[in-house]
Structures are given as C-alpha cells and as structure tokens.
C-alpha atoms as a PDB file:
ATOM      1  CA  MET A   1    -127.334   9.127 -57.976  1.00  0.00           C
ATOM      2  CA  GLN A   2    -129.986   8.857 -55.271  1.00  0.00           C
ATOM      3  CA  GLU A   3    -132.563  11.590 -55.704  1.00  0.00           C
ATOM      4  CA  LEU A   4    -132.820  13.554 -52.456  1.00  0.00           C
ATOM      5  CA  ALA A   5    -135.430  16.083 -53.605  1.00  0.00           C
ATOM      6  CA  LYS A   6    -138.843  14.862 -54.710  1.00  0.00           C
ATOM      7  CA  SER A   7    -141.946  16.618 -55.991  1.00  0.00           C
ATOM      8  CA  SER A   8    -145.092  16.886 -53.942  1.00  0.00           C
ATOM      9  CA  ILE A   9    -148.517  18.466 -54.421  1.00  0.00           C
ATOM     10  CA  LYS A  10    -150.117  20.374 -51.564  1.00  0.00           C
ATOM     11  CA  ARG A  11    -153.645  21.742 -51.676  1.00  0.00           C
ATOM     12  CA  PHE A  12    -154.672  24.846 -49.761  1.00  0.00           C
ATOM     13  CA  PRO A  13    -158.490  25.117 -50.118  1.00  0.00           C
ATOM     14  CA  GLU A  14    -158.639  28.186 -47.885  1.00  0.00           C
ATOM     15  CA  CYS A  15    -156.456  30.042 -50.400  1.00  0.00           C
ATOM     16  CA  ASP A  16    -157.868  28.424 -53.547  1.00  0.00           C
ATOM     17  CA  ILE A  17    -154.417  27.284 -54.629  1.00  0.00           C
ATOM     18  CA  THR A  18    -152.416  24.130 -55.196  1.00  0.00           C
ATOM     19  CA  LEU A  19    -148.679  24.126 -54.590  1.00  0.00           C
ATOM     20  CA  HIS A  20    -146.307  22.025 -56.686  1.00  0.00           C
ATOM     21  CA  ASP A  21    -143.477  21.788 -54.185  1.00  0.00           C
ATOM     22  CA  TRP A  22    -140.057  20.163 -53.821  1.00  0.00           C
ATOM     23  CA  GLN A  23    -139.101  18.607 -50.530  1.00  0.00           C
ATOM     24  CA  SER A  24    -136.633  16.076 -49.169  1.00  0.00           C
ATOM     25  CA  SER A  25    -137.684  13.782 -46.362  1.00  0.00           C
ATOM     26  CA  GLU A  26    -134.334  11.995 -46.785  1.00  0.00           C
ATOM     27  CA  VAL A  27    -132.229  15.121 -46.177  1.00  0.00           C
ATOM     28  CA  LYS A  28    -134.442  16.116 -43.259  1.00  0.00           C
ATOM     29  CA  ALA A  29    -134.170  12.645 -41.755  1.00  0.00           C
ATOM     30  CA  ILE A  30    -130.379  12.617 -42.067  1.00  0.00           C
ATOM     31  CA  ILE A  31    -129.989  16.035 -40.459  1.00  0.00           C
ATOM     32  CA  GLU A  32    -132.505  15.440 -37.698  1.00  0.00           C
ATOM     33  CA  SER A  33    -131.407  11.889 -36.905  1.00  0.00           C
ATOM     34  CA  PHE A  34    -128.802  13.297 -34.525  1.00  0.00           C
ATOM     35  CA  PRO A  35    -130.658  14.516 -31.415  1.00  0.00           C
ATOM     36  CA  GLU A  36    -129.356  17.553 -29.592  1.00  0.00           C
ATOM     37  CA  LYS A  37    -127.687  16.711 -26.323  1.00  0.00           C
ATOM     38  CA  LYS A  38    -129.961  17.833 -23.507  1.00  0.00           C
ATOM     39  CA  SER A  39    -128.505  18.987 -20.220  1.00  0.00           C
ATOM     40  CA  SER A  40    -129.634  17.130 -17.147  1.00  0.00           C
ATOM     41  CA  LYS A  41    -129.821  18.598 -13.662  1.00  0.00           C
ATOM     42  CA  LYS A  42    -129.269  15.180 -12.130  1.00  0.00           C
ATOM     43  CA  LYS A  43    -125.677  14.357 -11.360  1.00  0.00           C
ATOM     44  CA  LYS A  44    -124.473  11.112 -12.836  1.00  0.00           C
ATOM     45  CA  LYS A  45    -122.033   8.943 -10.969  1.00  0.00           C
ATOM     46  CA  LYS A  46    -120.049   8.200 -14.075  1.00  0.00           C
ATOM     47  CA  GLN A  47    -119.876  10.062 -17.379  1.00  0.00           C
ATOM     48  CA  GLN A  48    -120.825   7.615 -20.097  1.00  0.00           C
ATOM     49  CA  GLN A  49    -119.670   7.815 -23.691  1.00  0.00           C
ATOM     50  CA  PRO A  50    -122.658   8.781 -25.890  1.00  0.00           C
ATOM     51  CA  PRO A  51    -123.644   6.508 -28.786  1.00  0.00           C
ATOM     52  CA  LEU A  52    -121.623   6.998 -31.965  1.00  0.00           C
ATOM     53  CA  HIS A  53    -124.443   8.786 -33.812  1.00  0.00           C
ATOM     54  CA  GLU A  54    -124.684  11.361 -31.004  1.00  0.00           C
ATOM     55  CA  GLN A  55    -120.976  12.205 -30.958  1.00  0.00           C
ATOM     56  CA  PRO A  56    -120.136  15.641 -32.499  1.00  0.00           C
ATOM     57  CA  ASP A  57    -117.246  14.399 -34.661  1.00  0.00           C
ATOM     58  CA  TYR A  58    -119.394  11.669 -36.201  1.00  0.00           C
ATOM     59  CA  LYS A  59    -122.272  14.034 -36.938  1.00  0.00           C
ATOM     60  CA  ARG A  60    -119.943  16.674 -38.395  1.00  0.00           C
ATOM     61  CA  GLY A  61    -118.489  13.991 -40.662  1.00  0.00           C
ATOM     62  CA  GLN A  62    -121.935  12.932 -41.846  1.00  0.00           C
ATOM     63  CA  MET A  63    -122.976  16.520 -42.556  1.00  0.00           C
ATOM     64  CA  GLN A  64    -119.719  17.063 -44.436  1.00  0.00           C
ATOM     65  CA  LYS A  65    -120.498  14.098 -46.694  1.00  0.00           C
ATOM     66  CA  LEU A  66    -124.067  15.306 -47.213  1.00  0.00           C
ATOM     67  CA  VAL A  67    -123.167  18.870 -48.200  1.00  0.00           C
ATOM     68  CA  GLU A  68    -120.440  17.644 -50.570  1.00  0.00           C
ATOM     69  CA  LEU A  69    -122.896  15.203 -52.174  1.00  0.00           C
ATOM     70  CA  LEU A  70    -125.419  17.988 -52.753  1.00  0.00           C
ATOM     71  CA  ASP A  71    -122.658  20.243 -54.084  1.00  0.00           C
ATOM     72  CA  LYS A  72    -121.504  17.617 -56.573  1.00  0.00           C
ATOM     73  CA  ASN A  73    -124.967  17.451 -58.133  1.00  0.00           C
ATOM     74  CA  TRP A  74    -126.135  21.002 -57.467  1.00  0.00           C
ATOM     75  CA  ASP A  75    -125.659  22.805 -60.773  1.00  0.00           C
ATOM     76  CA  ASN A  76    -127.110  20.054 -62.964  1.00  0.00           C
ATOM     77  CA  PHE A  77    -129.857  18.793 -60.690  1.00  0.00           C
ATOM     78  CA  TYR A  78    -130.686  20.243 -57.269  1.00  0.00           C
ATOM     79  CA  SER A  79    -130.552  23.859 -58.414  1.00  0.00           C
ATOM     80  CA  GLN A  80    -133.710  23.072 -60.397  1.00  0.00           C
ATOM     81  CA  LYS A  81    -135.605  22.162 -57.219  1.00  0.00           C
ATOM     82  CA  LEU A  82    -135.530  25.553 -55.548  1.00  0.00           C
ATOM     83  CA  GLU A  83    -138.900  26.919 -56.694  1.00  0.00           C
ATOM     84  CA  ALA A  84    -142.429  25.772 -55.942  1.00  0.00           C
ATOM     85  CA  HIS A  85    -145.108  26.590 -58.550  1.00  0.00           C
ATOM     86  CA  VAL A  86    -148.528  27.901 -57.565  1.00  0.00           C
ATOM     87  CA  TYR A  87    -151.557  26.477 -59.427  1.00  0.00           C
ATOM     88  CA  ASP A  88    -155.258  27.168 -59.083  1.00  0.00           C
ATOM     89  CA  ALA A  89    -157.462  25.220 -56.660  1.00  0.00           C
ATOM     90  CA  LYS A  90    -158.357  22.631 -59.335  1.00  0.00           C
ATOM     91  CA  ASN A  91    -154.696  22.134 -60.145  1.00  0.00           C
ATOM     92  CA  ASP A  92    -155.370  22.934 -63.794  1.00  0.00           C
ATOM     93  CA  GLN A  93    -153.682  26.265 -64.407  1.00  0.00           C
ATOM     94  CA  PHE A  94    -150.270  27.580 -63.429  1.00  0.00           C
ATOM     95  CA  LEU A  95    -150.794  31.066 -61.956  1.00  0.00           C
ATOM     96  CA  GLU A  96    -147.325  32.312 -62.997  1.00  0.00           C
ATOM     97  CA  ILE A  97    -146.373  32.545 -59.320  1.00  0.00           C
ATOM     98  CA  THR A  98    -143.330  30.880 -57.773  1.00  0.00           C
ATOM     99  CA  VAL A  99    -142.187  30.723 -54.149  1.00  0.00           C
ATOM    100  CA  PRO A 100    -139.120  29.115 -52.517  1.00  0.00           C
ATOM    101  CA  SER A 101    -139.589  25.366 -52.252  1.00  0.00           C
ATOM    102  CA  SER A 102    -139.582  23.512 -48.924  1.00  0.00           C
ATOM    103  CA  PHE A 103    -136.301  21.901 -49.977  1.00  0.00           C
ATOM    104  CA  SER A 104    -134.746  25.305 -50.670  1.00  0.00           C
ATOM    105  CA  LYS A 105    -135.878  26.868 -47.384  1.00  0.00           C
ATOM    106  CA  TYR A 106    -134.811  23.902 -45.282  1.00  0.00           C
ATOM    107  CA  LEU A 107    -131.216  24.008 -46.504  1.00  0.00           C
ATOM    108  CA  VAL A 108    -130.983  27.734 -45.726  1.00  0.00           C
ATOM    109  CA  GLN A 109    -132.835  27.887 -42.415  1.00  0.00           C
ATOM    110  CA  GLN A 110    -131.537  24.750 -40.708  1.00  0.00           C
ATOM    111  CA  PRO A 111    -128.210  24.748 -38.797  1.00  0.00           C
ATOM    112  CA  TRP A 112    -126.655  21.679 -40.380  1.00  0.00           C
ATOM    113  CA  LEU A 113    -123.304  22.719 -41.844  1.00  0.00           C
ATOM    114  CA  PRO A 114    -119.966  21.725 -40.234  1.00  0.00           C
ATOM    115  CA  SER A 115    -117.485  24.451 -39.331  1.00  0.00           C
ATOM    116  CA  THR A 116    -113.756  24.634 -38.693  1.00  0.00           C
ATOM    117  CA  ILE A 117    -114.393  25.701 -35.094  1.00  0.00           C
ATOM    118  CA  GLN A 118    -113.655  22.792 -32.778  1.00  0.00           C
ATOM    119  CA  PRO A 119    -116.426  22.825 -30.167  1.00  0.00           C
ATOM    120  CA  SER A 120    -115.859  22.475 -26.467  1.00  0.00           C
ATOM    121  CA  SER A 121    -118.148  20.235 -24.451  1.00  0.00           C
ATOM    122  CA  GLY A 122    -121.740  21.406 -24.843  1.00  0.00           C
ATOM    123  CA  ASP A 123    -120.946  23.949 -27.584  1.00  0.00           C
ATOM    124  CA  ARG A 124    -122.794  23.977 -30.876  1.00  0.00           C
ATOM    125  CA  PHE A 125    -120.953  22.449 -33.808  1.00  0.00           C
ATOM    126  CA  LEU A 126    -123.350  22.902 -36.733  1.00  0.00           C
ATOM    127  CA  TYR A 127    -124.247  26.224 -38.326  1.00  0.00           C
ATOM    128  CA  LYS A 128    -126.491  27.900 -40.858  1.00  0.00           C
ATOM    129  CA  GLY A 129    -124.760  28.922 -44.071  1.00  0.00           C
ATOM    130  CA  SER A 130    -125.317  32.586 -43.212  1.00  0.00           C
ATOM    131  CA  GLU A 131    -123.132  32.097 -40.132  1.00  0.00           C
ATOM    132  CA  LEU A 132    -120.160  30.668 -42.043  1.00  0.00           C
ATOM    133  CA  TYR A 133    -117.342  31.938 -44.241  1.00  0.00           C
ATOM    134  CA  ASN A 134    -115.838  30.447 -47.371  1.00  0.00           C
ATOM    135  CA  GLN A 135    -112.404  28.944 -46.693  1.00  0.00           C
ATOM    136  CA  SER A 136    -111.244  29.592 -50.241  1.00  0.00           C
ATOM    137  CA  SER A 137    -111.524  33.367 -49.754  1.00  0.00           C
ATOM    138  CA  THR A 138    -107.922  34.432 -49.110  1.00  0.00           C
ATOM    139  CA  GLU A 139    -108.877  37.902 -47.890  1.00  0.00           C
ATOM    140  CA  VAL A 140    -111.404  36.601 -45.356  1.00  0.00           C
ATOM    141  CA  GLN A 141    -108.935  33.968 -44.143  1.00  0.00           C
ATOM    142  CA  LYS A 142    -106.349  36.703 -43.626  1.00  0.00           C
ATOM    143  CA  LEU A 143    -108.770  38.951 -41.725  1.00  0.00           C
ATOM    144  CA  LEU A 144    -110.413  36.347 -39.490  1.00  0.00           C
ATOM    145  CA  HIS A 145    -107.555  33.841 -39.106  1.00  0.00           C
ATOM    146  CA  THR A 146    -108.912  31.012 -36.914  1.00  0.00           C
ATOM    147  CA  HIS A 147    -111.298  33.185 -34.921  1.00  0.00           C
ATOM    148  CA  ALA A 148    -114.489  32.750 -36.936  1.00  0.00           C
ATOM    149  CA  PRO A 149    -116.414  29.740 -38.256  1.00  0.00           C
ATOM    150  CA  PHE A 150    -115.499  28.687 -41.792  1.00  0.00           C
ATOM    151  CA  LEU A 151    -117.337  25.967 -43.702  1.00  0.00           C
ATOM    152  CA  ASP A 152    -115.502  22.694 -43.146  1.00  0.00           C
ATOM    153  CA  ALA A 153    -116.255  21.087 -46.507  1.00  0.00           C
ATOM    154  CA  LYS A 154    -114.899  21.250 -50.039  1.00  0.00           C
ATOM    155  CA  LEU A 155    -117.512  22.794 -52.312  1.00  0.00           C
ATOM    156  CA  GLN A 156    -117.125  23.510 -56.016  1.00  0.00           C
ATOM    157  CA  SER A 157    -120.442  25.120 -56.929  1.00  0.00           C
ATOM    158  CA  ALA A 158    -120.463  28.886 -56.489  1.00  0.00           C
ATOM    159  CA  GLU A 159    -124.234  28.830 -56.941  1.00  0.00           C
ATOM    160  CA  PHE A 160    -124.642  26.341 -54.094  1.00  0.00           C
ATOM    161  CA  MET A 161    -122.562  28.470 -51.723  1.00  0.00           C
ATOM    162  CA  LYS A 162    -124.550  31.522 -52.783  1.00  0.00           C
ATOM    163  CA  HIS A 163    -127.822  29.709 -52.079  1.00  0.00           C
ATOM    164  CA  LEU A 164    -126.608  28.641 -48.633  1.00  0.00           C
ATOM    165  CA  LYS A 165    -125.647  32.303 -48.021  1.00  0.00           C
ATOM    166  CA  ILE A 166    -122.057  31.432 -47.126  1.00  0.00           C
ATOM    167  CA  HIS A 167    -119.942  34.605 -46.921  1.00  0.00           C
ATOM    168  CA  SER A 168    -117.016  35.117 -49.274  1.00  0.00           C
ATOM    169  CA  SER A 169    -116.252  38.633 -48.022  1.00  0.00           C
ATOM    170  CA  ILE A 170    -116.555  40.669 -44.853  1.00  0.00           C
ATOM    171  CA  SER A 171    -117.549  44.272 -44.324  1.00  0.00           C
ATOM    172  CA  ARG A 172    -115.545  46.766 -42.304  1.00  0.00           C
ATOM    173  CA  LEU A 173    -118.377  47.075 -39.772  1.00  0.00           C
ATOM    174  CA  HIS A 174    -118.633  43.317 -39.304  1.00  0.00           C
ATOM    175  CA  LEU A 175    -114.876  42.987 -38.831  1.00  0.00           C
ATOM    176  CA  LEU A 176    -114.980  45.783 -36.251  1.00  0.00           C
ATOM    177  CA  GLU A 177    -117.661  43.812 -34.390  1.00  0.00           C
ATOM    178  CA  TYR A 178    -115.346  40.794 -34.385  1.00  0.00           C
ATOM    179  CA  LEU A 179    -112.483  42.922 -33.044  1.00  0.00           C
ATOM    180  CA  VAL A 180    -114.653  44.178 -30.177  1.00  0.00           C
ATOM    181  CA  ALA A 181    -115.718  40.583 -29.425  1.00  0.00           C
ATOM    182  CA  TRP A 182    -112.086  39.387 -29.405  1.00  0.00           C
ATOM    183  CA  SER A 183    -111.185  42.161 -26.976  1.00  0.00           C
ATOM    184  CA  LYS A 184    -114.003  41.207 -24.604  1.00  0.00           C
ATOM    185  CA  MET A 185    -113.050  37.527 -24.866  1.00  0.00           C
ATOM    186  CA  ALA A 186    -109.416  38.303 -24.036  1.00  0.00           C
ATOM    187  CA  SER A 187    -110.443  40.441 -21.058  1.00  0.00           C
ATOM    188  CA  ALA A 188    -112.703  37.704 -19.706  1.00  0.00           C
ATOM    189  CA  GLN A 189    -110.045  35.027 -20.091  1.00  0.00           C
ATOM    190  CA  SER A 190    -107.354  37.182 -18.479  1.00  0.00           C
ATOM    191  CA  SER A 191    -109.577  37.916 -15.477  1.00  0.00           C
ATOM    192  CA  GLU A 192    -110.018  34.168 -15.021  1.00  0.00           C
ATOM    193  CA  GLY A 193    -106.284  33.565 -15.107  1.00  0.00           C
ATOM    194  CA  GLY A 194    -106.242  32.485 -18.737  1.00  0.00           C
ATOM    195  CA  LYS A 195    -103.751  33.364 -21.448  1.00  0.00           C
ATOM    196  CA  GLY A 196    -105.883  36.096 -23.007  1.00  0.00           C
ATOM    197  CA  PHE A 197    -106.075  36.112 -26.794  1.00  0.00           C
ATOM    198  CA  SER A 198    -103.829  34.089 -29.089  1.00  0.00           C
ATOM    199  CA  THR A 199    -103.240  35.114 -32.675  1.00  0.00           C
ATOM    200  CA  SER A 200    -100.475  36.114 -35.083  1.00  0.00           C
ATOM    201  CA  MET A 201     -99.141  39.595 -35.656  1.00  0.00           C
ATOM    202  CA  ASP A 202     -99.706  39.092 -39.394  1.00  0.00           C
ATOM    203  CA  HIS A 203    -103.384  38.626 -38.599  1.00  0.00           C
ATOM    204  CA  MET A 204    -103.693  41.783 -36.508  1.00  0.00           C
ATOM    205  CA  ILE A 205    -101.706  43.842 -39.026  1.00  0.00           C
ATOM    206  CA  ALA A 206    -104.170  42.740 -41.713  1.00  0.00           C
ATOM    207  CA  VAL A 207    -107.125  43.630 -39.466  1.00  0.00           C
ATOM    208  CA  TYR A 208    -105.916  47.145 -38.669  1.00  0.00           C
ATOM    209  CA  SER A 209    -104.862  47.836 -42.263  1.00  0.00           C
ATOM    210  CA  PHE A 210    -108.317  46.815 -43.515  1.00  0.00           C
ATOM    211  CA  LEU A 211    -110.242  48.714 -40.819  1.00  0.00           C
ATOM    212  CA  LEU A 212    -108.278  51.949 -40.930  1.00  0.00           C
ATOM    213  CA  GLU A 213    -107.704  52.321 -44.666  1.00  0.00           C
ATOM    214  CA  ASN A 214    -110.008  55.162 -45.754  1.00  0.00           C
ATOM    215  CA  ALA A 215    -111.857  54.660 -42.466  1.00  0.00           C
ATOM    216  CA  GLY A 216    -114.854  56.797 -41.634  1.00  0.00           C
ATOM    217  CA  GLN A 217    -115.048  58.895 -38.470  1.00  0.00           C
ATOM    218  CA  ASP A 218    -117.198  56.231 -36.785  1.00  0.00           C
ATOM    219  CA  VAL A 219    -114.340  53.718 -36.944  1.00  0.00           C
ATOM    220  CA  ILE A 220    -111.782  56.283 -35.749  1.00  0.00           C
ATOM    221  CA  ASP A 221    -114.071  57.225 -32.859  1.00  0.00           C
ATOM    222  CA  LYS A 222    -114.393  53.559 -31.852  1.00  0.00           C
ATOM    223  CA  PHE A 223    -110.625  53.188 -31.641  1.00  0.00           C
ATOM    224  CA  THR A 224    -110.132  56.383 -29.638  1.00  0.00           C
ATOM    225  CA  GLU A 225    -112.949  55.907 -27.106  1.00  0.00           C
ATOM    226  CA  GLU A 226    -111.689  55.809 -23.517  1.00  0.00           C
ATOM    227  CA  SER A 227    -113.566  52.557 -22.920  1.00  0.00           C
ATOM    228  CA  SER A 228    -112.332  50.820 -26.089  1.00  0.00           C
ATOM    229  CA  SER A 229    -109.384  48.436 -25.863  1.00  0.00           C
ATOM    230  CA  LEU A 230    -108.872  47.418 -29.475  1.00  0.00           C
ATOM    231  CA  ILE A 231    -105.095  47.383 -29.943  1.00  0.00           C
ATOM    232  CA  PHE A 232    -103.552  43.931 -29.655  1.00  0.00           C
ATOM    233  CA  VAL A 233    -100.125  43.659 -28.023  1.00  0.00           C
ATOM    234  CA  PRO A 234     -98.266  40.409 -27.335  1.00  0.00           C
ATOM    235  CA  ASN A 235     -97.466  39.509 -23.740  1.00  0.00           C
ATOM    236  CA  ARG A 236     -93.812  39.109 -24.594  1.00  0.00           C
ATOM    237  CA  LEU A 237     -91.418  40.479 -27.164  1.00  0.00           C
ATOM    238  CA  ASP A 238     -89.525  37.598 -28.712  1.00  0.00           C
ATOM    239  CA  LYS A 239     -87.515  38.234 -31.868  1.00  0.00           C
ATOM    240  CA  SER A 240     -87.304  34.493 -32.543  1.00  0.00           C
ATOM    241  CA  ILE A 241     -91.063  34.263 -33.092  1.00  0.00           C
ATOM    242  CA  LYS A 242     -92.213  34.752 -36.676  1.00  0.00           C
ATOM    243  CA  SER A 243     -94.964  37.237 -37.430  1.00  0.00           C
ATOM    244  CA  SER A 244     -97.039  34.357 -38.818  1.00  0.00           C
ATOM    245  CA  ASP A 245     -96.844  32.429 -35.523  1.00  0.00           C
ATOM    246  CA  ASP A 246     -99.604  32.729 -32.944  1.00  0.00           C
ATOM    247  CA  VAL A 247     -98.654  34.546 -29.732  1.00  0.00           C
ATOM    248  CA  ASP A 248    -100.551  35.199 -26.503  1.00  0.00           C
ATOM    249  CA  GLY A 249    -101.498  38.799 -25.879  1.00  0.00           C
ATOM    250  CA  ARG A 250    -104.113  41.268 -24.763  1.00  0.00           C
ATOM    251  CA  PHE A 251    -105.942  44.335 -26.027  1.00  0.00           C
ATOM    252  CA  ILE A 252    -105.197  47.831 -24.797  1.00  0.00           C
ATOM    253  CA  SER A 253    -106.565  51.296 -25.443  1.00  0.00           C
ATOM    254  CA  VAL A 254    -104.707  53.820 -27.584  1.00  0.00           C
ATOM    255  CA  HIS A 255    -104.599  55.893 -24.379  1.00  0.00           C
ATOM    256  CA  ASP A 256    -102.365  53.221 -22.831  1.00  0.00           C
ATOM    257  CA  ALA A 257     -99.918  53.258 -25.738  1.00  0.00           C
ATOM    258  CA  CYS A 258     -97.562  55.494 -27.629  1.00  0.00           C
ATOM    259  CA  TRP A 259     -96.406  55.244 -31.210  1.00  0.00           C
ATOM    260  CA  MET A 260     -92.640  55.706 -30.783  1.00  0.00           C
ATOM    261  CA  ASP A 261     -90.174  56.328 -27.964  1.00  0.00           C
ATOM    262  CA  PRO A 262     -87.359  58.732 -28.973  1.00  0.00           C
ATOM    263  CA  THR A 263     -85.507  57.988 -25.713  1.00  0.00           C
ATOM    264  CA  SER A 264     -85.449  54.209 -26.355  1.00  0.00           C
ATOM    265  CA  VAL A 265     -86.071  53.668 -22.620  1.00  0.00           C
ATOM    266  CA  LEU A 266     -89.417  51.932 -23.266  1.00  0.00           C
ATOM    267  CA  TYR A 267     -87.888  49.787 -25.996  1.00  0.00           C
ATOM    268  CA  LYS A 268     -85.421  48.324 -23.527  1.00  0.00           C
ATOM    269  CA  LYS A 269     -88.037  47.802 -20.829  1.00  0.00           C
ATOM    270  CA  GLN A 270     -90.404  46.110 -23.224  1.00  0.00           C
ATOM    271  CA  GLU A 271     -87.878  43.494 -24.154  1.00  0.00           C
ATOM    272  CA  LEU A 272     -89.048  42.016 -20.852  1.00  0.00           C
ATOM    273  CA  ASN A 273     -92.413  40.359 -20.317  1.00  0.00           C
ATOM    274  CA  TRP A 274     -94.995  43.062 -21.020  1.00  0.00           C
ATOM    275  CA  SER A 275     -97.536  41.501 -18.688  1.00  0.00           C
ATOM    276  CA  SER A 276     -95.139  41.976 -15.737  1.00  0.00           C
ATOM    277  CA  LEU A 277     -94.630  45.688 -16.406  1.00  0.00           C
ATOM    278  CA  PRO A 278     -96.655  48.393 -14.619  1.00  0.00           C
ATOM    279  CA  GLU A 279    -100.020  49.114 -16.236  1.00  0.00           C
ATOM    280  CA  THR A 280     -99.126  52.809 -16.423  1.00  0.00           C
ATOM    281  CA  LEU A 281     -96.162  52.130 -18.700  1.00  0.00           C
ATOM    282  CA  PRO A 282     -97.159  52.935 -22.308  1.00  0.00           C
ATOM    283  CA  LYS A 283     -96.784  50.195 -24.905  1.00  0.00           C
ATOM    284  CA  VAL A 284     -94.750  51.186 -27.962  1.00  0.00           C
ATOM    285  CA  LEU A 285     -96.875  50.170 -30.957  1.00  0.00           C
ATOM    286  CA  SER A 286     -94.336  50.920 -33.690  1.00  0.00           C
ATOM    287  CA  LEU A 287     -92.504  47.802 -32.543  1.00  0.00           C
ATOM    288  CA  HIS A 288     -95.275  45.777 -34.187  1.00  0.00           C
ATOM    289  CA  TYR A 289     -97.230  48.063 -36.501  1.00  0.00           C
ATOM    290  CA  ILE A 290     -94.560  50.298 -38.030  1.00  0.00           C
ATOM    291  CA  HIS A 291     -95.945  49.912 -41.563  1.00  0.00           C
ATOM    292  CA  ILE A 292     -99.547  50.844 -40.679  1.00  0.00           C
ATOM    293  CA  SER A 293     -99.473  54.601 -41.148  1.00  0.00           C
ATOM    294  CA  GLN A 294    -103.222  54.789 -40.470  1.00  0.00           C
ATOM    295  CA  LEU A 295    -102.642  53.445 -36.950  1.00  0.00           C
ATOM    296  CA  LYS A 296     -99.951  56.043 -36.389  1.00  0.00           C
ATOM    297  CA  GLU A 297    -102.466  58.767 -37.238  1.00  0.00           C
ATOM    298  CA  LEU A 298    -104.469  57.878 -34.107  1.00  0.00           C
ATOM    299  CA  PHE A 299    -101.663  59.368 -31.993  1.00  0.00           C
ATOM    300  CA  ARG A 300    -101.621  62.785 -33.639  1.00  0.00           C
END
C-alpha cells in the first residue's frame, strides 16, 4: 500500500512550539490536479472538447477511486494520522496538546467527493462530506429520493464516513427546507414552460408522514401559510402508474385543495389532466394521501 499521509515537523518560533503534523502532498496533488473550468466572456467559434483530465466524469471517477482507497485502509492506518502533536520550541517535550492534522482538515474542508447528482454544464460535481448523504441509509433514501446529493462511492468504514461528516440521517427542519426548495424549483421550471417537479408518490407520502408525525406548531404553520405551496400533486391522474414511479407535478397550497369530495364531482373532473383544469378548482388530496391522517388534520 502506498502511504498517502506522511509526518512532518513544523516550527513556530513566534509561539514557542513545534508541531508534529501529518499531511499528504499526494492526496492534495491528486485532488487539485483537475483545474476548475473558468468561464470566458469571449465567444468561441467552435466548442472544443476539454482534455480528458478536465472532464467531469473522469474527475469524478478518479475521486471515487481515491475515497475508496482511503476507506479500505482507514481503520487500520489513516485513522491514526488525524492528530498533530504539539511540542515545545526545542522539540524535546510533548506538551500534551493535540490539534487536527493538516491531512485530517484537508479531507473535511475540501470539496472533493463525488455525488450521485449528475451535473449540467457548468454545475459543480464535487462536494464536501458535510454536503452529502450516505446511500446505505434506507430512511434518508426514502425521504430524499433522487433530489439530494448522495456520496457516489462504496465505503465500508463507519469511522471514515463520520470523519468526513457524511450524513446518515436528516432532521425534520432540514427536510422541510428541502421541501420548500423543491416547491420553488417546480414553480421556476413551470414558469419557464418546464415540466415542474418529477418524483414518485411513494416519496412524497414518506416526506409528509415524516414531517407531520408529532409535528410542532412551527411545521403546521409552515404548511398552512397563505404563501406556502408545499403539497405535491401530479399533473395527471393515471391509475396505470405505480406509486413508486416518478410523475410530473407541481406544489399547491392547502388553501387550493380539499381533503375529500362527498359529491364525487371533483373526482370525475380530476380524472382529466389537472394542469388543464381551472386554478380555482380544489385538488382532492385523499386521492393520493388517504393514509396520512396528519395531512388530513390540516383541513379541520
């Protein structure tokens, strides 16, 4: 195994200390060998294919190999390189003080990890660990579906993922922030003639069940605000589509919906394309969320 973290001694005369550090010029060189693509104001006659080492897919692949290599040797080797020891100015006596090593800080602070999000042209494609979620977390997968960045690498060391600050759970507040962001994204795309937001009903059922179960008043208030459009409805009712399949839809306010329709008139109308119906026509939510009693409570 090639050693990617090496010891170094740094003297700081102004502080009367010597630091026994761990750093990795090799890891830094690998990560920083792929320059960021800079935008140019000059128009080019012909779009040229960038060199292989500058292409996002190639760099993501290299970072995937690097993180899996570190993971493979983390528990028995690299985990021991996370602390730097502070000695006196003469480098004779250990002062019983430790600080995070340069190697440790670099892995945490640098955006170098590949994600499952496929970037569009010009978008970022590498992330810090604190910006990613663990793919092996079933609950997080169920709550975020494909709408958040997951680490695109197979890691075995729980300690390594913990050090990188990769999330294995999500809080109710953070999920609510995602829901608000999805609503804004759908609104922006619809105004530009796009398809809105695409996801599965299983996903949205999981989101609302998680958010509204034993929810505090702050969450309830967010759902019932006049300006909040947080209820996802598909553009079209199609009984042939499975609840696990992604469908195009949009977000509406609870004030633009009703829970049930005793007359069944709205049921029949909404077998048509919802997006072609008048905006004033309430959407019947029990068609999709009948088992979420907490959502029903919003209409009492």
